[in-house]
Amino acid sequence: MNTDKAYAEKIASEYAPKETRKVVALKKLDSRAKLPANIFAYTFGIVMALALGVGMCLSMKVIGNGSAALMTLGIIVGVIGIAGVSINYPVYKKILGNSKKKFSADIISLANQIAEE
């Protein structure tokens, strides 16, 4: 019988109005702080990985007509792709740090309010 009561309370809590709106607001602020860095990292990483792949294909004569000019262009594009992939994480960390600094006051005050309750 005790399990029936626990089950009923669980179901009732799902339909009851939520009082922990501050936790939801804190999660939204946290995701809003991380969103610009994530968007940049994924977009830039995908573009640079594609550049690296195209450069490899050109330099190995998989695509193109196999001329020396296209091979040289492939090496240049591949090196640009490698450089872009290499700097992606440090740039991500920099953007994330700036974004966290921007939202830190709001997040800390909201977290302190939740902790005091």
PDB file of N, CA and C in Angstrom:
ATOM      1  N   MET A   1       0.808  -1.197   0.000  1.00  0.00           N
ATOM      2  CA  MET A   1       0.000   0.000   0.000  1.00  0.00           C
ATOM      3  C   MET A   1       0.852   1.261   0.000  1.00  0.00           C
ATOM      4  N   ASN A   2       2.025   1.201   0.627  1.00  0.00           N
ATOM      5  CA  ASN A   2       2.891   2.360   0.691  1.00  0.00           C
ATOM      6  C   ASN A   2       3.401   2.734  -0.695  1.00  0.00           C
ATOM      7  N   THR A   3       3.614   1.760  -1.552  1.00  0.00           N
ATOM      8  CA  THR A   3       4.078   2.059  -2.907  1.00  0.00           C
ATOM      9  C   THR A   3       2.993   2.762  -3.720  1.00  0.00           C
ATOM     10  N   ASP A   4       1.728   2.444  -3.431  1.00  0.00           N
ATOM     11  CA  ASP A   4       0.637   3.133  -4.125  1.00  0.00           C
ATOM     12  C   ASP A   4       0.630   4.615  -3.772  1.00  0.00           C
ATOM     13  N   LYS A   5       0.869   4.906  -2.521  1.00  0.00           N
ATOM     14  CA  LYS A   5       0.892   6.304  -2.071  1.00  0.00           C
ATOM     15  C   LYS A   5       2.062   7.053  -2.725  1.00  0.00           C
ATOM     16  N   ALA A   6       3.231   6.419  -2.793  1.00  0.00           N
ATOM     17  CA  ALA A   6       4.398   7.051  -3.420  1.00  0.00           C
ATOM     18  C   ALA A   6       4.155   7.273  -4.909  1.00  0.00           C
ATOM     19  N   TYR A   7       3.517   6.298  -5.534  1.00  0.00           N
ATOM     20  CA  TYR A   7       3.206   6.431  -6.965  1.00  0.00           C
ATOM     21  C   TYR A   7       2.217   7.567  -7.200  1.00  0.00           C
ATOM     22  N   ALA A   8       1.201   7.667  -6.340  1.00  0.00           N
ATOM     23  CA  ALA A   8       0.208   8.734  -6.476  1.00  0.00           C
ATOM     24  C   ALA A   8       0.844  10.101  -6.268  1.00  0.00           C
ATOM     25  N   GLU A   9       1.749  10.200  -5.316  1.00  0.00           N
ATOM     26  CA  GLU A   9       2.436  11.479  -5.075  1.00  0.00           C
ATOM     27  C   GLU A   9       3.330  11.845  -6.254  1.00  0.00           C
ATOM     28  N   LYS A  10       3.953  10.860  -6.843  1.00  0.00           N
ATOM     29  CA  LYS A  10       4.810  11.111  -8.002  1.00  0.00           C
ATOM     30  C   LYS A  10       3.984  11.633  -9.180  1.00  0.00           C
ATOM     31  N   ILE A  11       2.860  11.014  -9.437  1.00  0.00           N
ATOM     32  CA  ILE A  11       1.983  11.450 -10.528  1.00  0.00           C
ATOM     33  C   ILE A  11       1.441  12.846 -10.242  1.00  0.00           C
ATOM     34  N   ALA A  12       1.046  13.087  -8.999  1.00  0.00           N
ATOM     35  CA  ALA A  12       0.513  14.398  -8.629  1.00  0.00           C
ATOM     36  C   ALA A  12       1.569  15.486  -8.773  1.00  0.00           C
ATOM     37  N   SER A  13       2.811  15.159  -8.463  1.00  0.00           N
ATOM     38  CA  SER A  13       3.871  16.168  -8.568  1.00  0.00           C
ATOM     39  C   SER A  13       4.165  16.531 -10.023  1.00  0.00           C
ATOM     40  N   GLU A  14       3.906  15.609 -10.937  1.00  0.00           N
ATOM     41  CA  GLU A  14       4.114  15.917 -12.350  1.00  0.00           C
ATOM     42  C   GLU A  14       3.105  16.930 -12.861  1.00  0.00           C
ATOM     43  N   TYR A  15       1.914  16.921 -12.293  1.00  0.00           N
ATOM     44  CA  TYR A  15       0.850  17.806 -12.755  1.00  0.00           C
ATOM     45  C   TYR A  15       0.720  19.066 -11.913  1.00  0.00           C
ATOM     46  N   ALA A  16       1.372  19.109 -10.793  1.00  0.00           N
ATOM     47  CA  ALA A  16       1.297  20.282  -9.924  1.00  0.00           C
ATOM     48  C   ALA A  16       2.110  21.421 -10.541  1.00  0.00           C
ATOM     49  N   PRO A  17       1.710  22.657 -10.283  1.00  0.00           N
ATOM     50  CA  PRO A  17       2.500  23.783 -10.806  1.00  0.00           C
ATOM     51  C   PRO A  17       3.897  23.784 -10.198  1.00  0.00           C
ATOM     52  N   LYS A  18       4.857  24.066 -11.015  1.00  0.00           N
ATOM     53  CA  LYS A  18       6.249  24.023 -10.582  1.00  0.00           C
ATOM     54  C   LYS A  18       6.588  25.286  -9.796  1.00  0.00           C
ATOM     55  N   GLU A  19       7.239  25.086  -8.662  1.00  0.00           N
ATOM     56  CA  GLU A  19       7.650  26.206  -7.834  1.00  0.00           C
ATOM     57  C   GLU A  19       9.138  26.504  -7.986  1.00  0.00           C
ATOM     58  N   THR A  20       9.868  25.650  -8.672  1.00  0.00           N
ATOM     59  CA  THR A  20      11.307  25.823  -8.801  1.00  0.00           C
ATOM     60  C   THR A  20      11.644  26.554 -10.100  1.00  0.00           C
ATOM     61  N   ARG A  21      11.029  27.666 -10.315  1.00  0.00           N
ATOM     62  CA  ARG A  21      11.274  28.443 -11.524  1.00  0.00           C
ATOM     63  C   ARG A  21      12.693  29.019 -11.556  1.00  0.00           C
ATOM     64  N   LYS A  22      13.276  29.235 -10.393  1.00  0.00           N
ATOM     65  CA  LYS A  22      14.624  29.791 -10.361  1.00  0.00           C
ATOM     66  C   LYS A  22      15.638  28.797 -10.909  1.00  0.00           C
ATOM     67  N   VAL A  23      15.420  27.519 -10.696  1.00  0.00           N
ATOM     68  CA  VAL A  23      16.324  26.501 -11.223  1.00  0.00           C
ATOM     69  C   VAL A  23      16.227  26.464 -12.745  1.00  0.00           C
ATOM     70  N   VAL A  24      15.011  26.580 -13.260  1.00  0.00           N
ATOM     71  CA  VAL A  24      14.819  26.610 -14.710  1.00  0.00           C
ATOM     72  C   VAL A  24      15.490  27.847 -15.297  1.00  0.00           C
ATOM     73  N   ALA A  25      15.342  28.976 -14.622  1.00  0.00           N
ATOM     74  CA  ALA A  25      15.977  30.209 -15.090  1.00  0.00           C
ATOM     75  C   ALA A  25      17.501  30.085 -15.061  1.00  0.00           C
ATOM     76  N   LEU A  26      18.018  29.404 -14.027  1.00  0.00           N
ATOM     77  CA  LEU A  26      19.462  29.203 -13.930  1.00  0.00           C
ATOM     78  C   LEU A  26      19.969  28.323 -15.068  1.00  0.00           C
ATOM     79  N   LYS A  27      19.236  27.268 -15.393  1.00  0.00           N
ATOM     80  CA  LYS A  27      19.627  26.398 -16.505  1.00  0.00           C
ATOM     81  C   LYS A  27      19.590  27.151 -17.831  1.00  0.00           C
ATOM     82  N   LYS A  28      18.588  27.996 -18.012  1.00  0.00           N
ATOM     83  CA  LYS A  28      18.493  28.779 -19.246  1.00  0.00           C
ATOM     84  C   LYS A  28      19.642  29.773 -19.359  1.00  0.00           C
ATOM     85  N   LEU A  29      19.984  30.417 -18.253  1.00  0.00           N
ATOM     86  CA  LEU A  29      21.118  31.348 -18.274  1.00  0.00           C
ATOM     87  C   LEU A  29      22.420  30.622 -18.583  1.00  0.00           C
ATOM     88  N   ASP A  30      22.583  29.442 -18.004  1.00  0.00           N
ATOM     89  CA  ASP A  30      23.795  28.665 -18.249  1.00  0.00           C
ATOM     90  C   ASP A  30      23.895  28.265 -19.717  1.00  0.00           C
ATOM     91  N   SER A  31      22.802  27.786 -20.281  1.00  0.00           N
ATOM     92  CA  SER A  31      22.845  27.385 -21.692  1.00  0.00           C
ATOM     93  C   SER A  31      22.990  28.598 -22.601  1.00  0.00           C
ATOM     94  N   ARG A  32      22.421  29.734 -22.194  1.00  0.00           N
ATOM     95  CA  ARG A  32      22.571  30.952 -22.987  1.00  0.00           C
ATOM     96  C   ARG A  32      24.011  31.463 -22.972  1.00  0.00           C
ATOM     97  N   ALA A  33      24.700  31.228 -21.866  1.00  0.00           N
ATOM     98  CA  ALA A  33      26.102  31.641 -21.772  1.00  0.00           C
ATOM     99  C   ALA A  33      26.995  30.767 -22.644  1.00  0.00           C
ATOM    100  N   LYS A  34      26.638  29.485 -22.779  1.00  0.00           N
ATOM    101  CA  LYS A  34      27.476  28.558 -23.540  1.00  0.00           C
ATOM    102  C   LYS A  34      27.126  28.486 -25.021  1.00  0.00           C
ATOM    103  N   LEU A  35      25.962  28.989 -25.412  1.00  0.00           N
ATOM    104  CA  LEU A  35      25.490  28.846 -26.785  1.00  0.00           C
ATOM    105  C   LEU A  35      26.400  29.487 -27.836  1.00  0.00           C
ATOM    106  N   PRO A  36      26.854  30.733 -27.689  1.00  0.00           N
ATOM    107  CA  PRO A  36      27.702  31.321 -28.747  1.00  0.00           C
ATOM    108  C   PRO A  36      28.993  30.545 -28.982  1.00  0.00           C
ATOM    109  N   ALA A  37      29.608  30.073 -27.909  1.00  0.00           N
ATOM    110  CA  ALA A  37      30.855  29.322 -28.052  1.00  0.00           C
ATOM    111  C   ALA A  37      30.605  27.987 -28.744  1.00  0.00           C
ATOM    112  N   ASN A  38      29.509  27.326 -28.399  1.00  0.00           N
ATOM    113  CA  ASN A  38      29.197  26.045 -29.034  1.00  0.00           C
ATOM    114  C   ASN A  38      28.881  26.214 -30.517  1.00  0.00           C
ATOM    115  N   ILE A  39      28.108  27.222 -30.846  1.00  0.00           N
ATOM    116  CA  ILE A  39      27.781  27.458 -32.255  1.00  0.00           C
ATOM    117  C   ILE A  39      29.042  27.733 -33.060  1.00  0.00           C
ATOM    118  N   PHE A  40      29.911  28.577 -32.525  1.00  0.00           N
ATOM    119  CA  PHE A  40      31.155  28.868 -33.230  1.00  0.00           C
ATOM    120  C   PHE A  40      31.997  27.618 -33.395  1.00  0.00           C
ATOM    121  N   ALA A  41      32.175  26.862 -32.318  1.00  0.00           N
ATOM    122  CA  ALA A  41      33.065  25.702 -32.362  1.00  0.00           C
ATOM    123  C   ALA A  41      32.584  24.665 -33.364  1.00  0.00           C
ATOM    124  N   TYR A  42      31.295  24.364 -33.350  1.00  0.00           N
ATOM    125  CA  TYR A  42      30.783  23.375 -34.300  1.00  0.00           C
ATOM    126  C   TYR A  42      30.871  23.877 -35.738  1.00  0.00           C
ATOM    127  N   THR A  43      30.465  25.099 -35.974  1.00  0.00           N
ATOM    128  CA  THR A  43      30.466  25.635 -37.338  1.00  0.00           C
ATOM    129  C   THR A  43      31.885  25.745 -37.886  1.00  0.00           C
ATOM    130  N   PHE A  44      32.764  26.361 -37.114  1.00  0.00           N
ATOM    131  CA  PHE A  44      34.135  26.551 -37.558  1.00  0.00           C
ATOM    132  C   PHE A  44      34.851  25.217 -37.711  1.00  0.00           C
ATOM    133  N   GLY A  45      34.600  24.301 -36.782  1.00  0.00           N
ATOM    134  CA  GLY A  45      35.234  22.981 -36.856  1.00  0.00           C
ATOM    135  C   GLY A  45      34.804  22.198 -38.084  1.00  0.00           C
ATOM    136  N   ILE A  46      33.521  22.251 -38.405  1.00  0.00           N
ATOM    137  CA  ILE A  46      33.021  21.546 -39.588  1.00  0.00           C
ATOM    138  C   ILE A  46      33.607  22.146 -40.858  1.00  0.00           C
ATOM    139  N   VAL A  47      33.619  23.465 -40.945  1.00  0.00           N
ATOM    140  CA  VAL A  47      34.149  24.129 -42.147  1.00  0.00           C
ATOM    141  C   VAL A  47      35.635  23.813 -42.327  1.00  0.00           C
ATOM    142  N   MET A  48      36.390  23.870 -41.237  1.00  0.00           N
ATOM    143  CA  MET A  48      37.822  23.610 -41.354  1.00  0.00           C
ATOM    144  C   MET A  48      38.113  22.128 -41.624  1.00  0.00           C
ATOM    145  N   ALA A  49      37.322  21.235 -41.085  1.00  0.00           N
ATOM    146  CA  ALA A  49      37.506  19.807 -41.393  1.00  0.00           C
ATOM    147  C   ALA A  49      37.206  19.537 -42.867  1.00  0.00           C
ATOM    148  N   LEU A  50      36.183  20.194 -43.389  1.00  0.00           N
ATOM    149  CA  LEU A  50      35.886  20.051 -44.817  1.00  0.00           C
ATOM    150  C   LEU A  50      37.007  20.633 -45.678  1.00  0.00           C
ATOM    151  N   ALA A  51      37.558  21.770 -45.261  1.00  0.00           N
ATOM    152  CA  ALA A  51      38.680  22.359 -45.997  1.00  0.00           C
ATOM    153  C   ALA A  51      39.879  21.415 -45.980  1.00  0.00           C
ATOM    154  N   LEU A  52      40.136  20.812 -44.843  1.00  0.00           N
ATOM    155  CA  LEU A  52      41.229  19.847 -44.737  1.00  0.00           C
ATOM    156  C   LEU A  52      40.992  18.660 -45.664  1.00  0.00           C
ATOM    157  N   GLY A  53      39.777  18.161 -45.691  1.00  0.00           N
ATOM    158  CA  GLY A  53      39.454  17.035 -46.563  1.00  0.00           C
ATOM    159  C   GLY A  53      39.562  17.374 -48.037  1.00  0.00           C
ATOM    160  N   VAL A  54      39.085  18.538 -48.433  1.00  0.00           N
ATOM    161  CA  VAL A  54      39.195  18.959 -49.829  1.00  0.00           C
ATOM    162  C   VAL A  54      40.658  19.141 -50.215  1.00  0.00           C
ATOM    163  N   GLY A  55      41.424  19.732 -49.302  1.00  0.00           N
ATOM    164  CA  GLY A  55      42.850  19.898 -49.571  1.00  0.00           C
ATOM    165  C   GLY A  55      43.561  18.565 -49.736  1.00  0.00           C
ATOM    166  N   MET A  56      43.211  17.601 -48.917  1.00  0.00           N
ATOM    167  CA  MET A  56      43.815  16.268 -49.045  1.00  0.00           C
ATOM    168  C   MET A  56      43.436  15.626 -50.379  1.00  0.00           C
ATOM    169  N   CYS A  57      42.160  15.759 -50.732  1.00  0.00           N
ATOM    170  CA  CYS A  57      41.718  15.152 -51.995  1.00  0.00           C
ATOM    171  C   CYS A  57      42.397  15.800 -53.194  1.00  0.00           C
ATOM    172  N   LEU A  58      42.558  17.116 -53.146  1.00  0.00           N
ATOM    173  CA  LEU A  58      43.244  17.807 -54.250  1.00  0.00           C
ATOM    174  C   LEU A  58      44.719  17.430 -54.313  1.00  0.00           C
ATOM    175  N   SER A  59      45.373  17.356 -53.162  1.00  0.00           N
ATOM    176  CA  SER A  59      46.811  17.068 -53.174  1.00  0.00           C
ATOM    177  C   SER A  59      47.107  15.612 -53.537  1.00  0.00           C
ATOM    178  N   MET A  60      46.179  14.704 -53.259  1.00  0.00           N
ATOM    179  CA  MET A  60      46.391  13.295 -53.618  1.00  0.00           C
ATOM    180  C   MET A  60      45.790  12.964 -54.983  1.00  0.00           C
ATOM    181  N   LYS A  61      45.307  13.978 -55.665  1.00  0.00           N
ATOM    182  CA  LYS A  61      44.772  13.864 -57.018  1.00  0.00           C
ATOM    183  C   LYS A  61      43.536  12.963 -57.097  1.00  0.00           C
ATOM    184  N   VAL A  62      42.745  12.951 -56.025  1.00  0.00           N
ATOM    185  CA  VAL A  62      41.494  12.204 -56.031  1.00  0.00           C
ATOM    186  C   VAL A  62      40.438  12.996 -56.793  1.00  0.00           C
ATOM    187  N   ILE A  63      40.430  14.312 -56.581  1.00  0.00           N
ATOM    188  CA  ILE A  63      39.554  15.187 -57.354  1.00  0.00           C
ATOM    189  C   ILE A  63      40.428  16.137 -58.151  1.00  0.00           C
ATOM    190  N   GLY A  64      39.887  16.675 -59.193  1.00  0.00           N
ATOM    191  CA  GLY A  64      40.663  17.554 -60.071  1.00  0.00           C
ATOM    192  C   GLY A  64      41.296  16.769 -61.195  1.00  0.00           C
ATOM    193  N   ASN A  65      42.057  17.475 -62.025  1.00  0.00           N
ATOM    194  CA  ASN A  65      42.651  16.811 -63.190  1.00  0.00           C
ATOM    195  C   ASN A  65      44.071  16.297 -62.932  1.00  0.00           C
ATOM    196  N   GLY A  66      44.566  16.438 -61.705  1.00  0.00           N
ATOM    197  CA  GLY A  66      45.883  15.909 -61.370  1.00  0.00           C
ATOM    198  C   GLY A  66      47.038  16.820 -61.735  1.00  0.00           C
ATOM    199  N   SER A  67      46.752  18.080 -62.047  1.00  0.00           N
ATOM    200  CA  SER A  67      47.841  18.995 -62.404  1.00  0.00           C
ATOM    201  C   SER A  67      48.611  19.424 -61.156  1.00  0.00           C
ATOM    202  N   ALA A  68      49.788  19.935 -61.394  1.00  0.00           N
ATOM    203  CA  ALA A  68      50.649  20.386 -60.289  1.00  0.00           C
ATOM    204  C   ALA A  68      50.043  21.604 -59.593  1.00  0.00           C
ATOM    205  N   ALA A  69      49.328  22.435 -60.343  1.00  0.00           N
ATOM    206  CA  ALA A  69      48.710  23.623 -59.749  1.00  0.00           C
ATOM    207  C   ALA A  69      47.623  23.225 -58.749  1.00  0.00           C
ATOM    208  N   LEU A  70      46.816  22.247 -59.110  1.00  0.00           N
ATOM    209  CA  LEU A  70      45.766  21.793 -58.189  1.00  0.00           C
ATOM    210  C   LEU A  70      46.357  21.064 -56.986  1.00  0.00           C
ATOM    211  N   MET A  71      47.460  20.368 -57.197  1.00  0.00           N
ATOM    212  CA  MET A  71      48.108  19.707 -56.077  1.00  0.00           C
ATOM    213  C   MET A  71      48.652  20.749 -55.094  1.00  0.00           C
ATOM    214  N   THR A  72      49.245  21.799 -55.613  1.00  0.00           N
ATOM    215  CA  THR A  72      49.753  22.875 -54.762  1.00  0.00           C
ATOM    216  C   THR A  72      48.603  23.575 -54.040  1.00  0.00           C
ATOM    217  N   LEU A  73      47.512  23.816 -54.771  1.00  0.00           N
ATOM    218  CA  LEU A  73      46.339  24.421 -54.143  1.00  0.00           C
ATOM    219  C   LEU A  73      45.802  23.507 -53.046  1.00  0.00           C
ATOM    220  N   GLY A  74      45.815  22.211 -53.287  1.00  0.00           N
ATOM    221  CA  GLY A  74      45.364  21.255 -52.282  1.00  0.00           C
ATOM    222  C   GLY A  74      46.207  21.286 -51.029  1.00  0.00           C
ATOM    223  N   ILE A  75      47.508  21.420 -51.196  1.00  0.00           N
ATOM    224  CA  ILE A  75      48.391  21.507 -50.028  1.00  0.00           C
ATOM    225  C   ILE A  75      48.097  22.775 -49.233  1.00  0.00           C
ATOM    226  N   ILE A  76      47.900  23.872 -49.936  1.00  0.00           N
ATOM    227  CA  ILE A  76      47.610  25.151 -49.265  1.00  0.00           C
ATOM    228  C   ILE A  76      46.272  25.077 -48.528  1.00  0.00           C
ATOM    229  N   VAL A  77      45.244  24.549 -49.186  1.00  0.00           N
ATOM    230  CA  VAL A  77      43.927  24.434 -48.554  1.00  0.00           C
ATOM    231  C   VAL A  77      43.997  23.465 -47.378  1.00  0.00           C
ATOM    232  N   GLY A  78      44.751  22.384 -47.514  1.00  0.00           N
ATOM    233  CA  GLY A  78      44.905  21.431 -46.417  1.00  0.00           C
ATOM    234  C   GLY A  78      45.600  22.033 -45.211  1.00  0.00           C
ATOM    235  N   VAL A  79      46.625  22.829 -45.447  1.00  0.00           N
ATOM    236  CA  VAL A  79      47.335  23.486 -44.340  1.00  0.00           C
ATOM    237  C   VAL A  79      46.420  24.491 -43.649  1.00  0.00           C
ATOM    238  N   ILE A  80      45.603  25.209 -44.427  1.00  0.00           N
ATOM    239  CA  ILE A  80      44.632  26.135 -43.827  1.00  0.00           C
ATOM    240  C   ILE A  80      43.635  25.356 -42.969  1.00  0.00           C
ATOM    241  N   GLY A  81      43.189  24.204 -43.464  1.00  0.00           N
ATOM    242  CA  GLY A  81      42.278  23.361 -42.690  1.00  0.00           C
ATOM    243  C   GLY A  81      42.907  22.855 -41.409  1.00  0.00           C
ATOM    244  N   ILE A  82      44.167  22.429 -41.483  1.00  0.00           N
ATOM    245  CA  ILE A  82      44.865  21.963 -40.286  1.00  0.00           C
ATOM    246  C   ILE A  82      45.011  23.100 -39.274  1.00  0.00           C
ATOM    247  N   ALA A  83      45.368  24.278 -39.756  1.00  0.00           N
ATOM    248  CA  ALA A  83      45.512  25.429 -38.856  1.00  0.00           C
ATOM    249  C   ALA A  83      44.173  25.777 -38.209  1.00  0.00           C
ATOM    250  N   GLY A  84      43.110  25.742 -38.995  1.00  0.00           N
ATOM    251  CA  GLY A  84      41.791  26.064 -38.451  1.00  0.00           C
ATOM    252  C   GLY A  84      41.324  25.070 -37.410  1.00  0.00           C
ATOM    253  N   VAL A  85      41.531  23.799 -37.680  1.00  0.00           N
ATOM    254  CA  VAL A  85      41.147  22.762 -36.720  1.00  0.00           C
ATOM    255  C   VAL A  85      42.000  22.887 -35.455  1.00  0.00           C
ATOM    256  N   SER A  86      43.255  23.273 -35.612  1.00  0.00           N
ATOM    257  CA  SER A  86      44.153  23.385 -34.463  1.00  0.00           C
ATOM    258  C   SER A  86      43.784  24.532 -33.544  1.00  0.00           C
ATOM    259  N   ILE A  87      43.311  25.637 -34.099  1.00  0.00           N
ATOM    260  CA  ILE A  87      42.989  26.796 -33.258  1.00  0.00           C
ATOM    261  C   ILE A  87      41.535  26.801 -32.799  1.00  0.00           C
ATOM    262  N   ASN A  88      40.757  25.841 -33.224  1.00  0.00           N
ATOM    263  CA  ASN A  88      39.332  25.832 -32.880  1.00  0.00           C
ATOM    264  C   ASN A  88      39.115  25.780 -31.370  1.00  0.00           C
ATOM    265  N   TYR A  89      39.779  24.887 -30.670  1.00  0.00           N
ATOM    266  CA  TYR A  89      39.561  24.749 -29.230  1.00  0.00           C
ATOM    267  C   TYR A  89      40.015  25.979 -28.434  1.00  0.00           C
ATOM    268  N   PRO A  90      41.203  26.545 -28.698  1.00  0.00           N
ATOM    269  CA  PRO A  90      41.570  27.755 -27.949  1.00  0.00           C
ATOM    270  C   PRO A  90      40.615  28.931 -28.200  1.00  0.00           C
ATOM    271  N   VAL A  91      40.136  29.066 -29.425  1.00  0.00           N
ATOM    272  CA  VAL A  91      39.177  30.139 -29.708  1.00  0.00           C
ATOM    273  C   VAL A  91      37.857  29.853 -28.997  1.00  0.00           C
ATOM    274  N   TYR A  92      37.435  28.591 -28.974  1.00  0.00           N
ATOM    275  CA  TYR A  92      36.223  28.202 -28.246  1.00  0.00           C
ATOM    276  C   TYR A  92      36.347  28.572 -26.769  1.00  0.00           C
ATOM    277  N   LYS A  93      37.477  28.237 -26.158  1.00  0.00           N
ATOM    278  CA  LYS A  93      37.683  28.551 -24.744  1.00  0.00           C
ATOM    279  C   LYS A  93      37.649  30.061 -24.494  1.00  0.00           C
ATOM    280  N   LYS A  94      38.201  30.833 -25.408  1.00  0.00           N
ATOM    281  CA  LYS A  94      38.208  32.299 -25.268  1.00  0.00           C
ATOM    282  C   LYS A  94      36.782  32.847 -25.352  1.00  0.00           C
ATOM    283  N   ILE A  95      36.012  32.384 -26.334  1.00  0.00           N
ATOM    284  CA  ILE A  95      34.631  32.847 -26.475  1.00  0.00           C
ATOM    285  C   ILE A  95      33.808  32.424 -25.266  1.00  0.00           C
ATOM    286  N   LEU A  96      34.009  31.196 -24.792  1.00  0.00           N
ATOM    287  CA  LEU A  96      33.284  30.704 -23.622  1.00  0.00           C
ATOM    288  C   LEU A  96      33.636  31.517 -22.380  1.00  0.00           C
ATOM    289  N   GLY A  97      34.887  31.843 -22.219  1.00  0.00           N
ATOM    290  CA  GLY A  97      35.299  32.657 -21.071  1.00  0.00           C
ATOM    291  C   GLY A  97      34.679  34.036 -21.096  1.00  0.00           C
ATOM    292  N   ASN A  98      34.669  34.666 -22.264  1.00  0.00           N
ATOM    293  CA  ASN A  98      34.047  35.986 -22.383  1.00  0.00           C
ATOM    294  C   ASN A  98      32.548  35.923 -22.112  1.00  0.00           C
ATOM    295  N   SER A  99      31.911  34.897 -22.611  1.00  0.00           N
ATOM    296  CA  SER A  99      30.476  34.747 -22.416  1.00  0.00           C
ATOM    297  C   SER A  99      30.149  34.453 -20.955  1.00  0.00           C
ATOM    298  N   LYS A 100      30.960  33.623 -20.307  1.00  0.00           N
ATOM    299  CA  LYS A 100      30.742  33.344 -18.890  1.00  0.00           C
ATOM    300  C   LYS A 100      30.951  34.601 -18.050  1.00  0.00           C
ATOM    301  N   LYS A 101      31.927  35.401 -18.433  1.00  0.00           N
ATOM    302  CA  LYS A 101      32.176  36.643 -17.715  1.00  0.00           C
ATOM    303  C   LYS A 101      30.979  37.584 -17.844  1.00  0.00           C
ATOM    304  N   LYS A 102      30.357  37.579 -19.004  1.00  0.00           N
ATOM    305  CA  LYS A 102      29.205  38.439 -19.265  1.00  0.00           C
ATOM    306  C   LYS A 102      28.006  38.044 -18.408  1.00  0.00           C
ATOM    307  N   PHE A 103      27.773  36.738 -18.240  1.00  0.00           N
ATOM    308  CA  PHE A 103      26.611  36.256 -17.513  1.00  0.00           C
ATOM    309  C   PHE A 103      26.908  35.875 -16.065  1.00  0.00           C
ATOM    310  N   SER A 104      28.135  36.011 -15.613  1.00  0.00           N
ATOM    311  CA  SER A 104      28.517  35.496 -14.296  1.00  0.00           C
ATOM    312  C   SER A 104      27.756  36.160 -13.152  1.00  0.00           C
ATOM    313  N   ALA A 105      27.541  37.445 -13.206  1.00  0.00           N
ATOM    314  CA  ALA A 105      26.867  38.127 -12.099  1.00  0.00           C
ATOM    315  C   ALA A 105      25.439  37.611 -11.938  1.00  0.00           C
ATOM    316  N   ASP A 106      24.716  37.473 -13.042  1.00  0.00           N
ATOM    317  CA  ASP A 106      23.341  36.988 -12.974  1.00  0.00           C
ATOM    318  C   ASP A 106      23.283  35.539 -12.496  1.00  0.00           C
ATOM    319  N   ILE A 107      24.176  34.708 -13.012  1.00  0.00           N
ATOM    320  CA  ILE A 107      24.169  33.298 -12.651  1.00  0.00           C
ATOM    321  C   ILE A 107      24.532  33.110 -11.176  1.00  0.00           C
ATOM    322  N   ILE A 108      25.527  33.835 -10.709  1.00  0.00           N
ATOM    323  CA  ILE A 108      25.945  33.696  -9.308  1.00  0.00           C
ATOM    324  C   ILE A 108      24.856  34.186  -8.366  1.00  0.00           C
ATOM    325  N   SER A 109      24.225  35.305  -8.683  1.00  0.00           N
ATOM    326  CA  SER A 109      23.173  35.810  -7.783  1.00  0.00           C
ATOM    327  C   SER A 109      21.980  34.860  -7.759  1.00  0.00           C
ATOM    328  N   LEU A 110      21.614  34.318  -8.904  1.00  0.00           N
ATOM    329  CA  LEU A 110      20.491  33.374  -8.950  1.00  0.00           C
ATOM    330  C   LEU A 110      20.843  32.078  -8.225  1.00  0.00           C
ATOM    331  N   ALA A 111      22.062  31.607  -8.388  1.00  0.00           N
ATOM    332  CA  ALA A 111      22.504  30.388  -7.688  1.00  0.00           C
ATOM    333  C   ALA A 111      22.520  30.604  -6.177  1.00  0.00           C
ATOM    334  N   ASN A 112      22.946  31.765  -5.745  1.00  0.00           N
ATOM    335  CA  ASN A 112      22.935  32.066  -4.306  1.00  0.00           C
ATOM    336  C   ASN A 112      21.513  32.122  -3.771  1.00  0.00           C
ATOM    337  N   GLN A 113      20.583  32.686  -4.536  1.00  0.00           N
ATOM    338  CA  GLN A 113      19.179  32.720  -4.108  1.00  0.00           C
ATOM    339  C   GLN A 113      18.623  31.313  -3.970  1.00  0.00           C
ATOM    340  N   ILE A 114      18.955  30.447  -4.897  1.00  0.00           N
ATOM    341  CA  ILE A 114      18.478  29.061  -4.828  1.00  0.00           C
ATOM    342  C   ILE A 114      19.100  28.336  -3.635  1.00  0.00           C
ATOM    343  N   ALA A 115      20.380  28.585  -3.381  1.00  0.00           N
ATOM    344  CA  ALA A 115      21.071  27.909  -2.283  1.00  0.00           C
ATOM    345  C   ALA A 115      20.527  28.355  -0.919  1.00  0.00           C
ATOM    346  N   GLU A 116      20.062  29.602  -0.806  1.00  0.00           N
ATOM    347  CA  GLU A 116      19.556  30.107   0.461  1.00  0.00           C
ATOM    348  C   GLU A 116      18.174  29.561   0.785  1.00  0.00           C
ATOM    349  N   GLU A 117      17.437  29.133  -0.220  1.00  0.00           N
ATOM    350  CA  GLU A 117      16.057  28.643   0.022  1.00  0.00           C
ATOM    351  C   GLU A 117      16.014  27.310   0.693  1.00  0.00           C
TER     352      GLU A 117
END
